[in-house]
Amino acid sequence: MRGWFENRMDRRQAGFRKALLCRTALGVALGLVLVGRVPMARAQAQGRGRDAEMEAPSPVPPPPSSKSKEVPPPPAGMTFTTHLEHTAVWVGDQFHYTIIVDHTPNYEFVLDTMSKETVNMDPFQVMEVSKRTLNLKNSNRRLYVDLMLTTFATGKANEQIPQLTLFYFKRERGVLRAQEAAAESLTVPGPVIGLRTTLPPGANDIRDAVSVSSWPQSRWVLAFAGTFSLILIVAGLGWETVALIRRRKSQRGPDRRKAMLAVRERWLSSVPGDFANTETAIRFYDQSYQDLKEYVGHYLELATAGLTASELDEEMGRLGTDRDLREKTISVLGTLETVRYSQNGAAPTPEAAQRMAQDLREIFAFGSRR
């Protein structure tokens, strides 16, 4: 019994020793693992830090501004300001940028060479340059330099207008012209203007795509028909214009002076050389009556075939005909009517016919001078 108990105790103590050894070995292993992981974690942390430093993007430099560039101040007795017509513009719109310089009379600016071809304001385009100088009440002067600018830049919310350099010289004793003085410069920094646009950033092609197609044959037929109709219309208008001119000429009748001259020549050719024959005298009176009424009709530009002597006298008076011509014409027409329409056939004497021919010559000659 005692041997069995001792044997059992020995086995239990051996088990305890084995367990203690196992626990000790496990603790040592865990310690070694923990001791090895700490430097590894530190190394990984340091590696990640270096990788982060290598992968981190470099800082973007701030955009240049007028303050970053040192602009020399204007000399004593000179100040300048800038003025923008708008604080923001749409891309493609034109705007005025004005530089105003107040200075004393001993400064004079050289502005002859300033033009839209010589002033560079890139990325802005210079459309027009104007400059003028005014005299102030305090004997100083004020210079206005006005630039009309535009820009087509996209993808930016604002843009700074470039600085502009104005050249001047200082008047001193013995200096009369700009060529004799030392040229100096005034640098004027440009302000910032906002840009507004509906175009996307970096737009390469802002034109709409248009598909080009061939012209169908049916449209050529319509085009030919339209051209032919237009030619017909133009030809018809020309024909109607010519016809209208012809109608006006026909309504206007022959030239009044030419018609009067033709009647006068015809009457002179019908005057007989001798009035001794009664029938010849009566035919002369009848022909003279018709020629005289036709002559007066051309003279007054109205039809006188159906008018009597008294009606003709009233018409000539209404139209303002010369009094001597009117009285002589009415008197001659009355005598011719008496002989022509006399029922007893009273024939004129040769002396009376000769005086009638002389009166008719005077009427025809007087009327042709009017």
Protein backbone atom coordinates (compact mmCIF):
# COMPACT_ATOMS: atom_id res chain seq x y z
CA MET A 1 0.00 0.00 0.00
CA ARG A 2 2.72 2.32 0.99
CA GLY A 3 4.62 1.50 -2.20
CA TRP A 4 1.58 2.15 -4.32
CA PHE A 5 1.07 5.53 -2.65
CA GLU A 6 4.69 6.53 -3.11
CA ASN A 7 4.57 5.40 -6.73
CA ARG A 8 1.53 7.52 -7.27
CA MET A 9 3.08 10.56 -5.71
CA ASP A 10 6.14 10.14 -7.88
CA ARG A 11 3.99 10.06 -10.98
CA ARG A 12 2.08 13.17 -9.85
CA GLN A 13 5.27 15.06 -9.15
CA ALA A 14 6.59 14.01 -12.56
CA GLY A 15 3.38 15.33 -14.13
CA PHE A 16 3.76 18.60 -12.26
CA ARG A 17 7.31 18.93 -13.45
CA LYS A 18 6.28 18.24 -17.04
CA ALA A 19 3.50 20.80 -16.86
CA LEU A 20 5.83 23.35 -15.29
CA LEU A 21 8.38 22.72 -17.99
CA CYS A 22 5.73 23.06 -20.69
CA ARG A 23 4.41 26.28 -19.17
CA THR A 24 7.94 27.66 -18.85
CA ALA A 25 8.74 26.76 -22.46
CA LEU A 26 5.48 28.34 -23.64
CA GLY A 27 6.15 31.50 -21.66
CA VAL A 28 9.66 31.77 -23.06
CA ALA A 29 8.32 31.30 -26.60
CA LEU A 30 5.66 33.95 -26.10
CA GLY A 31 8.24 36.30 -24.69
CA LEU A 32 10.54 35.75 -27.62
CA VAL A 33 7.64 36.37 -30.04
CA LEU A 34 6.65 39.58 -28.29
CA VAL A 35 10.21 40.80 -28.14
CA GLY A 36 10.58 40.18 -31.92
CA ARG A 37 7.31 41.84 -32.92
CA VAL A 38 7.97 45.20 -31.25
CA PRO A 39 10.99 46.13 -33.43
CA MET A 40 9.15 44.76 -36.47
CA ALA A 41 6.13 46.99 -35.77
CA ARG A 42 8.43 49.96 -35.29
CA ALA A 43 10.17 49.18 -38.55
CA GLN A 44 6.86 48.82 -40.39
CA ALA A 45 5.64 52.10 -38.91
CA GLN A 46 8.83 53.83 -39.99
CA GLY A 47 8.49 52.28 -43.49
CA ARG A 48 4.93 53.42 -43.79
CA GLY A 49 5.98 56.91 -42.78
CA ARG A 50 8.70 56.96 -45.44
CA ASP A 51 6.27 55.62 -48.06
CA ALA A 52 3.74 58.26 -47.09
CA GLU A 53 6.38 60.92 -47.44
CA MET A 54 7.35 59.55 -50.85
CA GLU A 55 3.73 59.24 -52.10
CA ALA A 56 2.54 62.58 -50.74
CA PRO A 57 2.12 65.12 -53.60
CA SER A 58 4.37 68.09 -53.59
CA PRO A 59 2.67 71.26 -52.44
CA VAL A 60 1.21 73.38 -55.26
CA PRO A 61 2.90 76.75 -55.38
CA PRO A 62 0.49 79.62 -54.88
CA PRO A 63 -0.51 81.54 -58.01
CA PRO A 64 1.58 84.58 -58.66
CA SER A 65 0.00 87.80 -57.57
CA SER A 66 0.80 91.41 -57.88
CA LYS A 67 1.94 91.46 -54.27
CA SER A 68 4.52 88.73 -54.88
CA LYS A 69 6.29 90.89 -57.44
CA GLU A 70 7.95 93.89 -56.08
CA VAL A 71 6.80 96.92 -58.01
CA PRO A 72 8.85 100.07 -57.50
CA PRO A 73 6.78 102.89 -56.06
CA PRO A 74 6.07 105.96 -58.21
CA PRO A 75 8.37 108.94 -57.78
CA ALA A 76 7.52 111.92 -55.64
CA GLY A 77 4.77 114.05 -57.12
CA MET A 78 3.13 111.15 -58.98
CA THR A 79 0.26 108.82 -58.01
CA PHE A 80 -1.75 106.32 -60.00
CA THR A 81 -5.00 104.37 -59.72
CA THR A 82 -6.68 101.73 -61.87
CA HIS A 83 -10.34 101.36 -62.75
CA LEU A 84 -12.24 98.41 -64.22
CA GLU A 85 -15.53 98.85 -66.02
CA HIS A 86 -16.75 95.48 -64.64
CA THR A 87 -15.56 93.28 -61.80
CA ALA A 88 -16.40 90.17 -63.86
CA VAL A 89 -17.03 89.61 -67.57
CA TRP A 90 -18.19 86.80 -69.80
CA VAL A 91 -15.54 85.20 -71.96
CA GLY A 92 -15.39 87.03 -75.28
CA ASP A 93 -16.92 90.28 -73.98
CA GLN A 94 -15.01 93.54 -74.29
CA PHE A 95 -14.39 95.77 -71.27
CA HIS A 96 -12.50 98.99 -70.45
CA TYR A 97 -9.44 99.03 -68.19
CA THR A 98 -8.39 102.57 -67.29
CA ILE A 99 -5.14 103.78 -65.71
CA ILE A 100 -5.29 107.24 -64.11
CA VAL A 101 -1.99 108.99 -63.26
CA ASP A 102 -1.83 112.32 -61.42
CA HIS A 103 1.54 114.06 -61.67
CA THR A 104 3.20 117.43 -61.42
CA PRO A 105 4.00 119.47 -64.55
CA ASN A 106 7.71 118.60 -64.41
CA TYR A 107 6.89 115.04 -65.57
CA GLU A 108 5.95 114.28 -69.15
CA PHE A 109 4.87 110.85 -70.43
CA VAL A 110 5.91 109.43 -73.80
CA LEU A 111 2.70 108.09 -75.35
CA ASP A 112 3.38 108.34 -79.08
CA THR A 113 4.36 104.68 -79.38
CA MET A 114 1.39 103.30 -77.43
CA SER A 115 -1.09 101.53 -79.71
CA LYS A 116 -2.98 98.26 -79.81
CA GLU A 117 -0.17 96.77 -81.90
CA THR A 118 2.60 97.68 -79.43
CA VAL A 119 0.86 97.08 -76.07
CA ASN A 120 1.11 93.45 -74.93
CA MET A 121 -1.45 92.38 -72.31
CA ASP A 122 -1.35 88.61 -72.88
CA PRO A 123 -3.55 86.58 -72.20
CA PHE A 124 -5.86 89.53 -72.84
CA GLN A 125 -6.26 90.88 -76.35
CA VAL A 126 -5.99 94.65 -76.82
CA MET A 127 -8.83 95.88 -79.04
CA GLU A 128 -8.27 99.64 -78.70
CA VAL A 129 -5.96 102.10 -76.90
CA SER A 130 -6.80 105.73 -76.13
CA LYS A 131 -4.94 108.26 -74.04
CA ARG A 132 -5.53 111.88 -73.05
CA THR A 133 -4.13 114.42 -70.59
CA LEU A 134 -6.10 117.01 -68.60
CA ASN A 135 -4.93 120.03 -66.63
CA LEU A 136 -6.13 120.14 -63.02
CA LYS A 137 -6.96 123.21 -60.96
CA ASN A 138 -3.87 122.84 -58.78
CA SER A 139 -1.65 123.12 -61.88
CA ASN A 140 -1.05 119.38 -61.87
CA ARG A 141 -1.89 117.07 -64.76
CA ARG A 142 -3.96 113.92 -65.03
CA LEU A 143 -3.23 111.20 -67.57
CA TYR A 144 -5.92 108.76 -68.73
CA VAL A 145 -4.84 105.56 -70.50
CA ASP A 146 -7.89 103.55 -71.52
CA LEU A 147 -7.50 99.99 -72.82
CA MET A 148 -10.36 98.02 -74.35
CA LEU A 149 -9.57 94.36 -73.60
CA THR A 150 -11.11 90.95 -74.19
CA THR A 151 -10.15 87.36 -73.41
CA PHE A 152 -11.12 83.89 -74.61
CA ALA A 153 -9.46 81.88 -71.82
CA THR A 154 -11.59 79.14 -70.22
CA GLY A 155 -11.26 76.99 -67.13
CA LYS A 156 -10.41 79.91 -64.81
CA ALA A 157 -12.58 81.70 -62.30
CA ASN A 158 -10.51 84.89 -62.51
CA GLU A 159 -7.51 86.32 -64.29
CA GLN A 160 -5.05 89.04 -63.38
CA ILE A 161 -4.49 91.80 -65.88
CA PRO A 162 -0.75 92.08 -66.64
CA GLN A 163 1.21 95.04 -65.46
CA LEU A 164 1.75 97.93 -67.85
CA THR A 165 4.87 100.08 -68.04
CA LEU A 166 4.54 103.78 -68.86
CA PHE A 167 7.65 105.71 -69.85
CA TYR A 168 8.24 109.32 -68.87
CA PHE A 169 11.01 111.84 -68.43
CA LYS A 170 11.54 114.60 -65.95
CA ARG A 171 11.82 118.14 -67.20
CA GLU A 172 14.89 119.90 -65.85
CA ARG A 173 16.86 122.94 -66.80
CA GLY A 174 18.28 122.68 -70.27
CA VAL A 175 15.95 119.80 -71.24
CA LEU A 176 13.57 120.79 -74.02
CA ARG A 177 12.79 117.50 -75.74
CA ALA A 178 12.25 113.93 -74.61
CA GLN A 179 15.28 112.77 -76.58
CA GLU A 180 17.52 114.94 -74.42
CA ALA A 181 16.29 113.50 -71.09
CA ALA A 182 16.86 110.17 -69.40
CA ALA A 183 13.82 107.94 -69.82
CA GLU A 184 12.26 106.50 -66.67
CA SER A 185 9.40 104.04 -66.25
CA LEU A 186 6.29 103.73 -64.12
CA THR A 187 5.07 100.15 -63.61
CA VAL A 188 1.32 99.85 -62.98
CA PRO A 189 0.22 96.42 -61.65
CA GLY A 190 -3.05 95.14 -63.05
CA PRO A 191 -6.10 94.20 -60.96
CA VAL A 192 -7.86 90.83 -60.94
CA ILE A 193 -11.06 90.42 -62.97
CA GLY A 194 -13.54 87.56 -62.72
CA LEU A 195 -14.26 85.38 -65.74
CA ARG A 196 -17.65 83.83 -66.38
CA THR A 197 -18.28 81.20 -69.03
CA THR A 198 -20.62 78.32 -69.83
CA LEU A 199 -17.89 76.37 -71.64
CA PRO A 200 -16.33 73.35 -69.92
CA PRO A 201 -12.64 73.54 -68.90
CA GLY A 202 -10.25 72.61 -71.70
CA ALA A 203 -12.85 72.73 -74.46
CA ASN A 204 -11.00 71.79 -77.65
CA ASP A 205 -13.85 72.31 -80.09
CA ILE A 206 -16.68 74.69 -79.28
CA ARG A 207 -18.39 74.32 -82.63
CA ASP A 208 -21.44 72.14 -83.04
CA ALA A 209 -20.95 69.06 -85.17
CA VAL A 210 -22.77 69.47 -88.48
CA SER A 211 -23.18 66.51 -90.76
CA VAL A 212 -22.50 67.35 -94.40
CA SER A 213 -24.73 65.49 -96.80
CA SER A 214 -25.06 65.54 -100.57
CA TRP A 215 -27.79 67.63 -102.22
CA PRO A 216 -30.65 65.35 -103.38
CA GLN A 217 -31.55 65.42 -107.05
CA SER A 218 -35.14 66.43 -106.27
CA ARG A 219 -33.86 69.62 -104.61
CA TRP A 220 -31.94 70.50 -107.76
CA VAL A 221 -35.23 70.37 -109.68
CA LEU A 222 -36.80 72.77 -107.19
CA ALA A 223 -33.81 75.09 -107.40
CA PHE A 224 -33.97 75.11 -111.21
CA ALA A 225 -37.73 75.81 -111.13
CA GLY A 226 -37.22 78.68 -108.69
CA THR A 227 -34.43 80.21 -110.81
CA PHE A 228 -36.53 79.93 -113.97
CA SER A 229 -39.49 81.58 -112.21
CA LEU A 230 -37.25 84.41 -111.00
CA ILE A 231 -36.01 85.01 -114.56
CA LEU A 232 -39.60 85.15 -115.82
CA ILE A 233 -40.55 87.64 -113.11
CA VAL A 234 -37.59 89.90 -113.91
CA ALA A 235 -38.35 89.75 -117.65
CA GLY A 236 -42.02 90.54 -117.00
CA LEU A 237 -41.13 93.51 -114.83
CA GLY A 238 -38.79 94.83 -117.53
CA TRP A 239 -41.46 94.44 -120.22
CA GLU A 240 -44.06 96.25 -118.10
CA THR A 241 -41.60 99.06 -117.37
CA VAL A 242 -40.93 99.60 -121.09
CA ALA A 243 -44.65 99.53 -121.85
CA LEU A 244 -45.35 102.05 -119.09
CA ILE A 245 -42.71 104.43 -120.47
CA ARG A 246 -44.18 104.11 -123.95
CA ARG A 247 -47.71 104.79 -122.70
CA ARG A 248 -46.54 107.89 -120.87
CA LYS A 249 -44.80 109.16 -123.97
CA SER A 250 -47.89 108.51 -126.10
CA GLN A 251 -50.14 110.27 -123.59
CA ARG A 252 -47.79 113.22 -123.40
CA GLY A 253 -47.99 113.73 -127.17
CA PRO A 254 -45.50 115.42 -129.48
CA ASP A 255 -43.30 118.28 -128.44
CA ARG A 256 -45.34 121.49 -128.32
CA ARG A 257 -42.77 123.73 -130.02
CA LYS A 258 -42.09 121.21 -132.79
CA ALA A 259 -45.85 120.86 -133.47
CA MET A 260 -46.30 124.65 -133.59
CA LEU A 261 -43.35 124.98 -135.97
CA ALA A 262 -44.81 122.29 -138.24
CA VAL A 263 -48.20 124.07 -138.39
CA ARG A 264 -46.48 127.40 -139.12
CA GLU A 265 -44.40 125.90 -141.92
CA ARG A 266 -47.48 124.25 -143.40
CA TRP A 267 -49.43 127.53 -143.36
CA LEU A 268 -46.58 129.48 -144.93
CA SER A 269 -46.42 126.98 -147.77
CA SER A 270 -50.17 127.43 -148.44
CA VAL A 271 -50.18 131.24 -148.65
CA PRO A 272 -50.96 132.22 -152.30
CA GLY A 273 -48.89 134.82 -154.05
CA ASP A 274 -51.94 136.70 -155.48
CA PHE A 275 -55.36 137.17 -153.84
CA ALA A 276 -57.09 138.50 -156.98
CA ASN A 277 -58.95 135.20 -157.47
CA THR A 278 -61.95 135.03 -155.12
CA GLU A 279 -61.96 131.24 -154.80
CA THR A 280 -58.26 131.31 -153.93
CA ALA A 281 -58.89 133.89 -151.22
CA ILE A 282 -61.81 131.89 -149.76
CA ARG A 283 -59.71 128.69 -149.64
CA PHE A 284 -56.93 130.68 -148.00
CA TYR A 285 -59.33 131.92 -145.30
CA ASP A 286 -60.67 128.41 -144.65
CA GLN A 287 -57.20 126.83 -144.44
CA SER A 288 -55.91 129.68 -142.25
CA TYR A 289 -58.82 129.21 -139.84
CA GLN A 290 -58.03 125.49 -139.33
CA ASP A 291 -54.28 126.07 -139.05
CA LEU A 292 -54.69 128.91 -136.56
CA LYS A 293 -56.96 126.89 -134.24
CA GLU A 294 -54.56 123.94 -134.39
CA TYR A 295 -51.63 126.29 -133.72
CA VAL A 296 -53.37 127.83 -130.69
CA GLY A 297 -54.32 124.35 -129.46
CA HIS A 298 -50.65 123.29 -129.43
CA TYR A 299 -49.74 126.58 -127.81
CA LEU A 300 -52.26 126.10 -124.96
CA GLU A 301 -51.86 122.26 -124.93
CA LEU A 302 -55.60 121.61 -125.23
CA ALA A 303 -58.08 120.61 -127.92
CA THR A 304 -59.61 123.74 -129.54
CA ALA A 305 -61.44 122.15 -132.48
CA GLY A 306 -64.88 122.59 -130.91
CA LEU A 307 -64.27 125.95 -129.25
CA THR A 308 -65.68 129.20 -130.57
CA ALA A 309 -63.71 132.44 -130.64
CA SER A 310 -65.29 133.70 -127.39
CA GLU A 311 -64.69 130.36 -125.61
CA LEU A 312 -61.13 130.34 -126.87
CA ASP A 313 -60.65 133.90 -125.60
CA GLU A 314 -61.90 132.88 -122.13
CA GLU A 315 -59.63 129.83 -122.07
CA MET A 316 -56.59 131.82 -123.14
CA GLY A 317 -57.31 134.45 -120.49
CA ARG A 318 -57.67 131.78 -117.79
CA LEU A 319 -54.31 130.29 -118.70
CA GLY A 320 -52.60 133.69 -118.57
CA THR A 321 -51.80 134.10 -122.27
CA ASP A 322 -50.18 137.38 -123.35
CA ARG A 323 -52.83 140.06 -123.86
CA ASP A 324 -51.57 141.28 -127.28
CA LEU A 325 -51.44 137.76 -128.65
CA ARG A 326 -54.86 136.98 -127.28
CA GLU A 327 -56.56 140.09 -128.74
CA LYS A 328 -54.97 139.67 -132.16
CA THR A 329 -55.76 135.93 -132.24
CA ILE A 330 -59.42 136.38 -131.28
CA SER A 331 -59.83 139.23 -133.78
CA VAL A 332 -58.34 137.18 -136.62
CA LEU A 333 -60.41 134.11 -135.72
CA GLY A 334 -63.58 136.22 -135.67
CA THR A 335 -62.87 137.60 -139.14
CA LEU A 336 -62.03 134.14 -140.51
CA GLU A 337 -65.25 132.67 -139.04
CA THR A 338 -67.32 135.48 -140.55
CA VAL A 339 -65.97 134.87 -144.04
CA ARG A 340 -66.05 131.05 -143.68
CA TYR A 341 -69.59 130.73 -142.32
CA SER A 342 -71.22 133.68 -144.13
CA GLN A 343 -74.51 132.59 -145.70
CA ASN A 344 -74.38 135.09 -148.54
CA GLY A 345 -70.85 133.97 -149.43
CA ALA A 346 -69.26 137.38 -148.95
CA ALA A 347 -65.78 137.18 -150.44
CA PRO A 348 -62.88 139.16 -149.04
CA THR A 349 -61.18 141.73 -151.14
CA PRO A 350 -57.55 141.25 -152.20
CA GLU A 351 -56.49 144.07 -149.88
CA ALA A 352 -58.33 142.52 -146.90
CA ALA A 353 -56.83 139.09 -147.66
CA GLN A 354 -53.37 140.65 -147.83
CA ARG A 355 -53.84 142.31 -144.40
CA MET A 356 -55.16 138.99 -142.97
CA ALA A 357 -52.07 137.18 -144.19
CA GLN A 358 -49.86 139.79 -142.50
CA ASP A 359 -51.78 139.47 -139.19
CA LEU A 360 -51.42 135.68 -139.34
CA ARG A 361 -47.66 135.96 -139.90
CA GLU A 362 -47.39 138.14 -136.80
CA ILE A 363 -49.45 135.67 -134.71
CA PHE A 364 -47.39 132.68 -135.83
CA ALA A 365 -44.13 134.57 -135.29
CA PHE A 366 -45.22 135.87 -131.87
CA GLY A 367 -46.38 132.47 -130.69
CA SER A 368 -43.16 130.78 -131.76
CA ARG A 369 -41.17 133.13 -129.51
CA ARG A 370 -43.11 132.14 -126.36
